[in-house]
């Protein structure tokens, strides 16, 4: 039995969402202009992302070490924060809501391969981080997941399914453990 035949793999037409020239241009801009910009130049990074089709809200803080595969598949709401070394693997759409936080070293993965097909077909599913949610440090979020409004995903958690609004969720795989109660 042959499990995988990578020589039969074919990228679906239009999968990247832009031409190979635009993709390569973004990767050059990201490595030479985005990643090398000083920490305080948030406006510059917002400008570069918008120039490549990202929908970026007001007051968004994105660190220079953030990696974004295809910015035209990214939407970030007002006053959201994206921390150091976050990887936004935007094979599919990623939407990060207003006042949401994605902390350092987290990995939002919208794509994978179908391991049950020998040609190892690629697919993408969107990820949604709703308003006021906090994805803590070093969290993995799988394709197709929604993090509910105001939810907290604990450090080093692995999120394989949707997490409910207003809950603190932790673990491998992440599970809701208690309500997020705000101090007055």
N, C-alpha and C. Protein backbone atom coordinates (compact mmCIF):
# COMPACT_ATOMS: atom_id res chain seq x y z
N UNK A 1 0.85 -1.18 0.00
CA UNK A 1 0.00 0.00 0.00
C UNK A 1 0.89 1.24 0.00
N UNK A 2 0.59 2.15 -0.89
CA UNK A 2 1.31 3.42 -0.96
C UNK A 2 0.47 4.49 -0.25
N UNK A 3 1.06 5.12 0.75
CA UNK A 3 0.34 6.11 1.53
C UNK A 3 0.39 7.51 0.93
N UNK A 4 1.52 7.86 0.36
CA UNK A 4 1.71 9.22 -0.13
C UNK A 4 2.53 9.19 -1.40
N UNK A 5 2.07 9.90 -2.41
CA UNK A 5 2.82 10.06 -3.66
C UNK A 5 2.92 11.55 -3.95
N UNK A 6 3.91 12.18 -3.38
CA UNK A 6 4.05 13.62 -3.51
C UNK A 6 4.24 14.08 -4.94
N UNK A 7 4.70 13.18 -5.81
CA UNK A 7 4.88 13.56 -7.22
C UNK A 7 3.53 13.79 -7.91
N UNK A 8 2.42 13.39 -7.30
CA UNK A 8 1.10 13.63 -7.87
C UNK A 8 0.42 14.88 -7.27
N UNK A 9 1.09 15.52 -6.33
CA UNK A 9 0.53 16.72 -5.72
C UNK A 9 0.42 17.83 -6.75
N UNK A 10 -0.72 18.56 -6.71
CA UNK A 10 -0.92 19.71 -7.59
C UNK A 10 -1.57 20.81 -6.78
N UNK A 11 -0.98 21.99 -6.84
CA UNK A 11 -1.56 23.15 -6.15
C UNK A 11 -2.86 23.52 -6.85
N UNK A 12 -3.98 23.64 -6.14
CA UNK A 12 -5.24 24.03 -6.78
C UNK A 12 -5.13 25.42 -7.41
N UNK A 13 -5.79 25.59 -8.54
CA UNK A 13 -5.78 26.89 -9.22
C UNK A 13 -6.29 27.98 -8.28
N UNK A 14 -5.57 29.09 -8.23
CA UNK A 14 -5.99 30.24 -7.43
C UNK A 14 -5.84 30.07 -5.93
N UNK A 15 -5.20 29.00 -5.47
CA UNK A 15 -5.11 28.70 -4.04
C UNK A 15 -4.46 29.83 -3.25
N UNK A 16 -3.42 30.43 -3.81
CA UNK A 16 -2.70 31.49 -3.10
C UNK A 16 -3.48 32.81 -3.10
N UNK A 17 -4.37 33.00 -4.04
CA UNK A 17 -5.19 34.21 -4.08
C UNK A 17 -4.58 35.37 -4.84
N UNK A 18 -3.35 35.25 -5.25
CA UNK A 18 -2.66 36.26 -6.06
C UNK A 18 -1.67 35.54 -6.96
N UNK A 19 -1.13 36.27 -7.92
CA UNK A 19 -0.16 35.69 -8.84
C UNK A 19 1.14 35.36 -8.12
N UNK A 20 1.94 34.50 -8.71
CA UNK A 20 3.23 34.15 -8.11
C UNK A 20 4.14 35.37 -8.00
N UNK A 21 4.00 36.34 -8.90
CA UNK A 21 4.80 37.57 -8.83
C UNK A 21 4.45 38.36 -7.57
N UNK A 22 3.16 38.51 -7.29
CA UNK A 22 2.72 39.24 -6.10
C UNK A 22 3.15 38.49 -4.83
N UNK A 23 3.02 37.16 -4.84
CA UNK A 23 3.44 36.36 -3.69
C UNK A 23 4.93 36.59 -3.42
N UNK A 24 5.76 36.50 -4.45
CA UNK A 24 7.20 36.69 -4.27
C UNK A 24 7.51 38.12 -3.83
N UNK A 25 6.79 39.10 -4.38
CA UNK A 25 6.99 40.50 -3.98
C UNK A 25 6.70 40.66 -2.49
N UNK A 26 5.60 40.06 -2.00
CA UNK A 26 5.29 40.16 -0.59
C UNK A 26 6.39 39.52 0.25
N UNK A 27 6.87 38.35 -0.13
CA UNK A 27 7.88 37.68 0.67
C UNK A 27 9.17 38.50 0.73
N UNK A 28 9.51 39.20 -0.34
CA UNK A 28 10.68 40.09 -0.34
C UNK A 28 10.42 41.30 0.56
N UNK A 29 9.24 41.92 0.42
CA UNK A 29 8.89 43.08 1.25
C UNK A 29 8.86 42.68 2.73
N UNK A 30 8.28 41.52 3.00
CA UNK A 30 8.20 41.07 4.39
C UNK A 30 9.60 40.89 4.99
N UNK A 31 10.51 40.29 4.25
CA UNK A 31 11.83 40.03 4.80
C UNK A 31 12.71 41.28 4.85
N UNK A 32 12.56 42.18 3.88
CA UNK A 32 13.47 43.33 3.80
C UNK A 32 12.92 44.61 4.46
N UNK A 33 11.63 44.82 4.44
CA UNK A 33 11.05 46.07 4.94
C UNK A 33 10.22 45.88 6.22
N UNK A 34 9.45 44.83 6.26
CA UNK A 34 8.56 44.58 7.40
C UNK A 34 9.38 44.08 8.59
N UNK A 35 10.10 42.97 8.41
CA UNK A 35 10.82 42.32 9.51
C UNK A 35 11.97 43.14 10.05
N UNK A 36 12.54 44.03 9.26
CA UNK A 36 13.68 44.82 9.71
C UNK A 36 13.28 46.17 10.30
N UNK A 37 11.98 46.47 10.29
CA UNK A 37 11.54 47.76 10.81
C UNK A 37 11.64 47.78 12.34
N UNK A 38 11.99 48.95 12.92
CA UNK A 38 12.06 49.06 14.39
C UNK A 38 10.71 48.78 15.04
N UNK A 39 10.76 48.32 16.29
CA UNK A 39 9.55 47.93 17.01
C UNK A 39 8.47 49.01 16.97
N UNK A 40 8.84 50.27 17.13
CA UNK A 40 7.86 51.35 17.26
C UNK A 40 7.16 51.71 15.95
N UNK A 41 7.57 51.15 14.82
CA UNK A 41 7.01 51.54 13.51
C UNK A 41 5.76 50.72 13.15
N UNK A 42 4.79 50.74 14.04
CA UNK A 42 3.55 50.01 13.81
C UNK A 42 2.81 50.53 12.59
N UNK A 43 2.78 51.85 12.41
CA UNK A 43 2.11 52.45 11.26
C UNK A 43 2.71 52.00 9.94
N UNK A 44 4.01 51.88 9.88
CA UNK A 44 4.71 51.41 8.68
C UNK A 44 4.29 49.99 8.33
N UNK A 45 4.26 49.11 9.34
CA UNK A 45 3.86 47.72 9.08
C UNK A 45 2.39 47.63 8.68
N UNK A 46 1.54 48.47 9.31
CA UNK A 46 0.13 48.50 8.89
C UNK A 46 0.03 48.94 7.43
N UNK A 47 0.81 49.95 7.05
CA UNK A 47 0.83 50.44 5.67
C UNK A 47 1.25 49.33 4.70
N UNK A 48 2.32 48.63 5.00
CA UNK A 48 2.80 47.56 4.11
C UNK A 48 1.74 46.46 3.95
N UNK A 49 1.12 46.07 5.05
CA UNK A 49 0.09 45.03 4.98
C UNK A 49 -1.10 45.50 4.15
N UNK A 50 -1.54 46.73 4.37
CA UNK A 50 -2.67 47.26 3.58
C UNK A 50 -2.31 47.35 2.11
N UNK A 51 -1.06 47.70 1.80
CA UNK A 51 -0.62 47.79 0.39
C UNK A 51 -0.71 46.45 -0.31
N UNK A 52 -0.64 45.36 0.47
CA UNK A 52 -0.76 44.02 -0.10
C UNK A 52 -2.14 43.40 0.15
N UNK A 53 -3.12 44.23 0.50
CA UNK A 53 -4.51 43.78 0.54
C UNK A 53 -5.05 43.35 1.88
N UNK A 54 -4.25 43.42 2.95
CA UNK A 54 -4.77 43.09 4.28
C UNK A 54 -5.74 44.17 4.73
N UNK A 55 -6.73 43.77 5.50
CA UNK A 55 -7.67 44.72 6.09
C UNK A 55 -7.25 44.91 7.54
N UNK A 56 -6.63 46.06 7.82
CA UNK A 56 -6.05 46.32 9.13
C UNK A 56 -6.74 47.53 9.75
N UNK A 57 -7.26 47.36 10.96
CA UNK A 57 -7.99 48.41 11.64
C UNK A 57 -7.09 49.48 12.24
N UNK A 58 -7.72 50.42 12.95
CA UNK A 58 -7.00 51.52 13.61
C UNK A 58 -6.26 51.00 14.84
N UNK A 59 -5.09 51.58 15.07
CA UNK A 59 -4.35 51.32 16.30
C UNK A 59 -3.85 49.91 16.47
N UNK A 60 -3.78 49.14 15.40
CA UNK A 60 -3.32 47.75 15.47
C UNK A 60 -1.81 47.73 15.74
N UNK A 61 -1.40 46.87 16.65
CA UNK A 61 0.02 46.68 16.95
C UNK A 61 0.43 45.31 16.42
N UNK A 62 1.34 45.34 15.46
CA UNK A 62 1.90 44.12 14.89
C UNK A 62 3.41 44.22 14.99
N UNK A 63 4.03 43.28 15.66
CA UNK A 63 5.48 43.27 15.85
C UNK A 63 6.19 42.92 14.54
N UNK A 64 7.43 43.37 14.37
CA UNK A 64 8.14 43.12 13.12
C UNK A 64 8.50 41.66 12.89
N UNK A 65 8.53 40.85 13.94
CA UNK A 65 8.88 39.43 13.78
C UNK A 65 7.68 38.55 13.43
N UNK A 66 6.50 39.14 13.29
CA UNK A 66 5.31 38.39 12.86
C UNK A 66 5.51 37.95 11.41
N UNK A 67 5.11 36.72 11.10
CA UNK A 67 5.19 36.20 9.74
C UNK A 67 3.78 35.96 9.21
N UNK A 68 3.53 36.47 8.01
CA UNK A 68 2.21 36.38 7.39
C UNK A 68 2.41 35.83 5.99
N UNK A 69 1.83 34.69 5.69
CA UNK A 69 2.06 34.04 4.41
C UNK A 69 1.45 34.86 3.27
N UNK A 70 0.16 35.14 3.34
CA UNK A 70 -0.55 35.90 2.30
C UNK A 70 -1.37 37.00 2.98
N UNK A 71 -0.89 38.24 3.01
CA UNK A 71 -1.60 39.29 3.75
C UNK A 71 -2.99 39.59 3.21
N UNK A 72 -3.25 39.34 1.95
CA UNK A 72 -4.57 39.60 1.37
C UNK A 72 -5.63 38.67 1.95
N UNK A 73 -5.23 37.70 2.76
CA UNK A 73 -6.18 36.81 3.43
C UNK A 73 -6.28 37.10 4.93
N UNK A 74 -5.85 38.30 5.33
CA UNK A 74 -5.81 38.68 6.74
C UNK A 74 -6.70 39.89 7.00
N UNK A 75 -7.50 39.80 8.07
CA UNK A 75 -8.30 40.92 8.57
C UNK A 75 -8.02 41.06 10.06
N UNK A 76 -7.68 42.28 10.48
CA UNK A 76 -7.39 42.54 11.89
C UNK A 76 -8.20 43.75 12.32
N UNK A 77 -9.00 43.59 13.38
CA UNK A 77 -9.87 44.65 13.86
C UNK A 77 -9.12 45.72 14.65
N UNK A 78 -9.81 46.82 14.93
CA UNK A 78 -9.24 47.96 15.64
C UNK A 78 -8.61 47.54 16.97
N UNK A 79 -7.43 48.10 17.24
CA UNK A 79 -6.72 47.99 18.51
C UNK A 79 -6.36 46.55 18.90
N UNK A 80 -6.27 45.67 17.92
CA UNK A 80 -5.79 44.31 18.18
C UNK A 80 -4.26 44.33 18.28
N UNK A 81 -3.70 43.36 18.98
CA UNK A 81 -2.25 43.22 19.14
C UNK A 81 -1.83 41.85 18.64
N UNK A 82 -0.72 41.82 17.91
CA UNK A 82 -0.13 40.56 17.46
C UNK A 82 1.34 40.58 17.87
N UNK A 83 1.72 39.63 18.74
CA UNK A 83 3.02 39.66 19.40
C UNK A 83 4.17 39.09 18.59
N UNK A 84 5.35 39.15 19.20
CA UNK A 84 6.58 38.69 18.57
C UNK A 84 6.52 37.22 18.17
N UNK A 85 7.07 36.95 17.00
CA UNK A 85 7.23 35.60 16.47
C UNK A 85 5.92 34.84 16.26
N UNK A 86 4.82 35.56 16.12
CA UNK A 86 3.55 34.92 15.77
C UNK A 86 3.61 34.55 14.29
N UNK A 87 3.10 33.38 13.96
CA UNK A 87 3.03 32.93 12.57
C UNK A 87 1.56 32.84 12.16
N UNK A 88 1.19 33.69 11.19
CA UNK A 88 -0.17 33.67 10.65
C UNK A 88 -0.08 32.97 9.29
N UNK A 89 -0.32 31.68 9.29
CA UNK A 89 -0.20 30.84 8.10
C UNK A 89 -1.51 30.94 7.33
N UNK A 90 -1.62 32.01 6.55
CA UNK A 90 -2.87 32.40 5.90
C UNK A 90 -3.06 31.72 4.55
N UNK A 91 -3.03 30.40 4.54
CA UNK A 91 -3.45 29.71 3.32
C UNK A 91 -4.95 29.94 3.13
N UNK A 92 -5.67 30.04 4.24
CA UNK A 92 -7.07 30.43 4.26
C UNK A 92 -7.18 31.75 5.00
N UNK A 93 -8.39 32.26 5.11
CA UNK A 93 -8.62 33.55 5.76
C UNK A 93 -8.36 33.45 7.27
N UNK A 94 -7.75 34.50 7.82
CA UNK A 94 -7.65 34.67 9.27
C UNK A 94 -8.28 36.01 9.60
N UNK A 95 -9.23 36.00 10.55
CA UNK A 95 -9.85 37.23 11.03
C UNK A 95 -9.60 37.34 12.52
N UNK A 96 -8.94 38.42 12.91
CA UNK A 96 -8.66 38.71 14.30
C UNK A 96 -9.48 39.94 14.67
N UNK A 97 -10.35 39.79 15.66
CA UNK A 97 -11.31 40.83 15.99
C UNK A 97 -10.71 42.02 16.72
N UNK A 98 -11.54 43.02 16.92
CA UNK A 98 -11.16 44.24 17.63
C UNK A 98 -10.77 43.91 19.06
N UNK A 99 -9.71 44.57 19.54
CA UNK A 99 -9.22 44.42 20.91
C UNK A 99 -8.81 43.00 21.26
N UNK A 100 -8.58 42.16 20.26
CA UNK A 100 -8.09 40.80 20.50
C UNK A 100 -6.57 40.84 20.60
N UNK A 101 -6.01 39.82 21.24
CA UNK A 101 -4.56 39.70 21.39
C UNK A 101 -4.14 38.30 20.99
N UNK A 102 -3.12 38.23 20.13
CA UNK A 102 -2.46 36.96 19.81
C UNK A 102 -1.02 37.13 20.30
N UNK A 103 -0.68 36.41 21.36
CA UNK A 103 0.61 36.60 22.02
C UNK A 103 1.75 35.86 21.31
N UNK A 104 2.95 36.18 21.76
CA UNK A 104 4.18 35.72 21.14
C UNK A 104 4.24 34.21 20.91
N UNK A 105 4.87 33.87 19.80
CA UNK A 105 5.15 32.50 19.37
C UNK A 105 3.91 31.65 19.10
N UNK A 106 2.75 32.25 18.98
CA UNK A 106 1.56 31.47 18.62
C UNK A 106 1.55 31.20 17.13
N UNK A 107 0.88 30.12 16.74
CA UNK A 107 0.84 29.68 15.35
C UNK A 107 -0.61 29.44 14.96
N UNK A 108 -1.12 30.27 14.05
CA UNK A 108 -2.48 30.11 13.54
C UNK A 108 -2.37 29.47 12.16
N UNK A 109 -2.80 28.23 12.05
CA UNK A 109 -2.57 27.40 10.88
C UNK A 109 -3.88 27.13 10.14
N UNK A 110 -4.09 27.80 9.01
CA UNK A 110 -5.34 27.63 8.27
C UNK A 110 -5.30 26.51 7.25
N UNK A 111 -4.16 25.88 7.03
CA UNK A 111 -4.07 24.89 5.97
C UNK A 111 -3.38 23.61 6.40
N UNK A 112 -3.68 22.57 5.65
CA UNK A 112 -3.02 21.28 5.87
C UNK A 112 -3.18 20.44 4.61
N UNK A 113 -2.90 19.16 4.74
CA UNK A 113 -3.02 18.23 3.63
C UNK A 113 -3.95 17.09 4.03
N UNK A 114 -4.64 16.54 3.06
CA UNK A 114 -5.52 15.40 3.30
C UNK A 114 -4.67 14.12 3.27
N UNK A 115 -4.39 13.58 4.44
CA UNK A 115 -3.53 12.41 4.56
C UNK A 115 -4.20 11.12 4.06
N UNK A 116 -5.50 11.18 3.76
CA UNK A 116 -6.21 9.99 3.29
C UNK A 116 -6.20 9.87 1.77
N UNK A 117 -5.61 10.86 1.09
CA UNK A 117 -5.52 10.84 -0.37
C UNK A 117 -4.04 10.76 -0.72
N UNK A 118 -3.68 9.80 -1.55
CA UNK A 118 -2.25 9.59 -1.84
C UNK A 118 -1.59 10.78 -2.52
N UNK A 119 -2.37 11.64 -3.20
CA UNK A 119 -1.78 12.83 -3.82
C UNK A 119 -1.57 13.95 -2.80
N UNK A 120 -1.96 13.72 -1.53
CA UNK A 120 -1.68 14.62 -0.41
C UNK A 120 -2.25 16.01 -0.67
N UNK A 121 -3.51 16.05 -1.14
CA UNK A 121 -4.16 17.31 -1.51
C UNK A 121 -4.12 18.32 -0.38
N UNK A 122 -3.88 19.58 -0.74
CA UNK A 122 -3.83 20.67 0.22
C UNK A 122 -5.24 21.26 0.37
N UNK A 123 -5.54 21.76 1.57
CA UNK A 123 -6.81 22.45 1.79
C UNK A 123 -6.60 23.59 2.78
N UNK A 124 -7.55 24.50 2.81
CA UNK A 124 -7.51 25.63 3.74
C UNK A 124 -8.89 25.83 4.35
N UNK A 125 -8.89 26.17 5.64
CA UNK A 125 -10.12 26.52 6.36
C UNK A 125 -9.83 27.77 7.19
N UNK A 126 -10.79 28.68 7.28
CA UNK A 126 -10.54 29.95 8.00
C UNK A 126 -10.39 29.77 9.51
N UNK A 127 -9.70 30.72 10.11
CA UNK A 127 -9.61 30.83 11.57
C UNK A 127 -10.18 32.19 11.94
N UNK A 128 -11.00 32.21 12.99
CA UNK A 128 -11.59 33.45 13.50
C UNK A 128 -11.25 33.57 14.98
N UNK A 129 -10.64 34.70 15.32
CA UNK A 129 -10.42 35.07 16.71
C UNK A 129 -11.36 36.25 16.95
N UNK A 130 -12.42 36.02 17.70
CA UNK A 130 -13.43 37.06 17.86
C UNK A 130 -12.94 38.20 18.76
N UNK A 131 -13.70 39.29 18.76
CA UNK A 131 -13.36 40.48 19.54
C UNK A 131 -13.04 40.13 20.98
N UNK A 132 -12.02 40.82 21.51
CA UNK A 132 -11.66 40.78 22.93
C UNK A 132 -11.16 39.43 23.41
N UNK A 133 -10.85 38.52 22.50
CA UNK A 133 -10.27 37.23 22.89
C UNK A 133 -8.77 37.39 23.08
N UNK A 134 -8.19 36.52 23.90
CA UNK A 134 -6.74 36.53 24.12
C UNK A 134 -6.21 35.13 23.89
N UNK A 135 -5.34 35.02 22.90
CA UNK A 135 -4.61 33.79 22.63
C UNK A 135 -3.24 33.99 23.26
N UNK A 136 -2.97 33.28 24.36
CA UNK A 136 -1.73 33.48 25.12
C UNK A 136 -0.53 32.90 24.37
N UNK A 137 0.62 32.93 24.99
CA UNK A 137 1.87 32.56 24.33
C UNK A 137 1.92 31.11 23.86
N UNK A 138 2.51 30.93 22.69
CA UNK A 138 2.88 29.62 22.17
C UNK A 138 1.68 28.68 21.97
N UNK A 139 0.57 29.23 21.50
CA UNK A 139 -0.64 28.45 21.25
C UNK A 139 -0.69 28.04 19.79
N UNK A 140 -1.13 26.80 19.52
CA UNK A 140 -1.39 26.34 18.16
C UNK A 140 -2.90 26.33 17.95
N UNK A 141 -3.34 26.94 16.83
CA UNK A 141 -4.76 26.92 16.47
C UNK A 141 -4.88 26.26 15.10
N UNK A 142 -5.70 25.22 15.04
CA UNK A 142 -5.85 24.39 13.83
C UNK A 142 -6.80 25.03 12.82
N UNK A 143 -6.75 24.57 11.58
CA UNK A 143 -7.66 25.08 10.53
C UNK A 143 -9.12 24.94 10.93
N UNK A 144 -9.90 25.97 10.61
CA UNK A 144 -11.35 25.92 10.80
C UNK A 144 -11.84 26.28 12.18
N UNK A 145 -10.97 26.73 13.07
CA UNK A 145 -11.34 27.00 14.46
C UNK A 145 -11.81 28.45 14.63
N UNK A 146 -12.81 28.62 15.50
CA UNK A 146 -13.25 29.94 15.95
C UNK A 146 -13.05 30.03 17.45
N UNK A 147 -12.41 31.12 17.88
CA UNK A 147 -12.25 31.41 19.31
C UNK A 147 -13.30 32.47 19.64
N UNK A 148 -14.19 32.15 20.56
CA UNK A 148 -15.32 33.02 20.88
C UNK A 148 -14.92 34.33 21.52
N UNK A 149 -15.82 35.30 21.45
CA UNK A 149 -15.60 36.65 21.99
C UNK A 149 -15.20 36.58 23.47
N UNK A 150 -14.09 37.24 23.79
CA UNK A 150 -13.65 37.34 25.17
C UNK A 150 -13.03 36.08 25.75
N UNK A 151 -12.91 35.02 24.96
CA UNK A 151 -12.29 33.79 25.47
C UNK A 151 -10.81 34.02 25.71
N UNK A 152 -10.24 33.24 26.62
CA UNK A 152 -8.80 33.23 26.88
C UNK A 152 -8.31 31.82 26.59
N UNK A 153 -7.30 31.73 25.74
CA UNK A 153 -6.67 30.43 25.44
C UNK A 153 -5.33 30.42 26.17
N UNK A 154 -5.18 29.51 27.13
CA UNK A 154 -3.99 29.47 27.98
C UNK A 154 -2.73 29.14 27.23
N UNK A 155 -1.61 29.57 27.80
CA UNK A 155 -0.29 29.37 27.20
C UNK A 155 -0.06 27.90 26.85
N UNK A 156 0.54 27.70 25.69
CA UNK A 156 0.95 26.39 25.18
C UNK A 156 -0.20 25.43 24.92
N UNK A 157 -1.40 25.95 24.78
CA UNK A 157 -2.54 25.10 24.46
C UNK A 157 -2.55 24.77 22.97
N UNK A 158 -3.24 23.70 22.64
CA UNK A 158 -3.46 23.28 21.26
C UNK A 158 -4.95 23.27 21.02
N UNK A 159 -5.41 24.14 20.11
CA UNK A 159 -6.85 24.32 19.89
C UNK A 159 -7.22 23.61 18.59
N UNK A 160 -8.00 22.54 18.72
CA UNK A 160 -8.39 21.71 17.58
C UNK A 160 -9.86 21.87 17.21
N UNK A 161 -10.63 22.57 18.06
CA UNK A 161 -12.05 22.80 17.80
C UNK A 161 -12.45 24.15 18.35
N UNK A 162 -13.62 24.62 17.98
CA UNK A 162 -14.10 25.93 18.42
C UNK A 162 -14.12 26.02 19.95
N UNK A 163 -13.77 27.22 20.45
CA UNK A 163 -13.81 27.48 21.88
C UNK A 163 -14.88 28.53 22.15
N UNK A 164 -15.66 28.36 23.23
CA UNK A 164 -16.81 29.24 23.48
C UNK A 164 -16.41 30.62 23.98
N UNK A 165 -17.30 31.56 23.77
CA UNK A 165 -17.10 32.94 24.22
C UNK A 165 -17.02 33.00 25.74
N UNK A 166 -16.21 33.93 26.24
CA UNK A 166 -16.17 34.22 27.66
C UNK A 166 -15.64 33.12 28.55
N UNK A 167 -14.90 32.18 28.00
CA UNK A 167 -14.38 31.06 28.78
C UNK A 167 -12.85 31.06 28.76
N UNK A 168 -12.27 30.54 29.83
CA UNK A 168 -10.84 30.28 29.87
C UNK A 168 -10.67 28.83 29.44
N UNK A 169 -9.82 28.63 28.44
CA UNK A 169 -9.64 27.32 27.82
C UNK A 169 -8.16 26.97 27.83
N UNK A 170 -7.83 25.76 28.23
CA UNK A 170 -6.43 25.35 28.31
C UNK A 170 -6.28 23.89 27.92
N UNK A 171 -5.05 23.51 27.58
CA UNK A 171 -4.70 22.11 27.45
C UNK A 171 -4.39 21.66 26.05
N UNK A 172 -4.11 20.35 25.99
CA UNK A 172 -3.84 19.65 24.73
C UNK A 172 -4.72 18.40 24.71
N UNK A 173 -5.81 18.42 23.98
CA UNK A 173 -6.38 19.57 23.28
C UNK A 173 -7.06 20.52 24.26
N UNK A 174 -7.17 21.79 23.85
CA UNK A 174 -7.76 22.81 24.71
C UNK A 174 -9.21 22.49 25.00
N UNK A 175 -9.60 22.73 26.25
CA UNK A 175 -10.98 22.56 26.71
C UNK A 175 -11.35 23.75 27.58
N UNK A 176 -12.61 24.18 27.55
CA UNK A 176 -13.05 25.25 28.46
C UNK A 176 -13.02 24.75 29.91
N UNK A 177 -12.45 25.55 30.82
CA UNK A 177 -12.39 25.10 32.21
C UNK A 177 -13.19 25.98 33.17
N UNK A 178 -13.32 27.29 32.85
CA UNK A 178 -14.12 28.15 33.71
C UNK A 178 -14.42 29.44 32.98
N UNK A 179 -15.40 30.16 33.50
CA UNK A 179 -15.80 31.44 32.89
C UNK A 179 -14.73 32.50 33.16
N UNK A 180 -14.59 33.41 32.21
CA UNK A 180 -13.71 34.57 32.41
C UNK A 180 -14.51 35.62 33.16
N UNK A 181 -14.15 35.85 34.40
CA UNK A 181 -14.86 36.80 35.24
C UNK A 181 -13.98 38.05 35.37
N UNK A 182 -14.57 39.20 35.06
CA UNK A 182 -13.83 40.45 35.08
C UNK A 182 -13.95 41.11 36.45
N UNK A 183 -12.84 41.68 36.93
CA UNK A 183 -12.84 42.46 38.18
C UNK A 183 -13.39 43.84 37.88
N UNK A 184 -14.05 44.42 38.85
CA UNK A 184 -14.61 45.76 38.64
C UNK A 184 -13.64 46.82 39.03
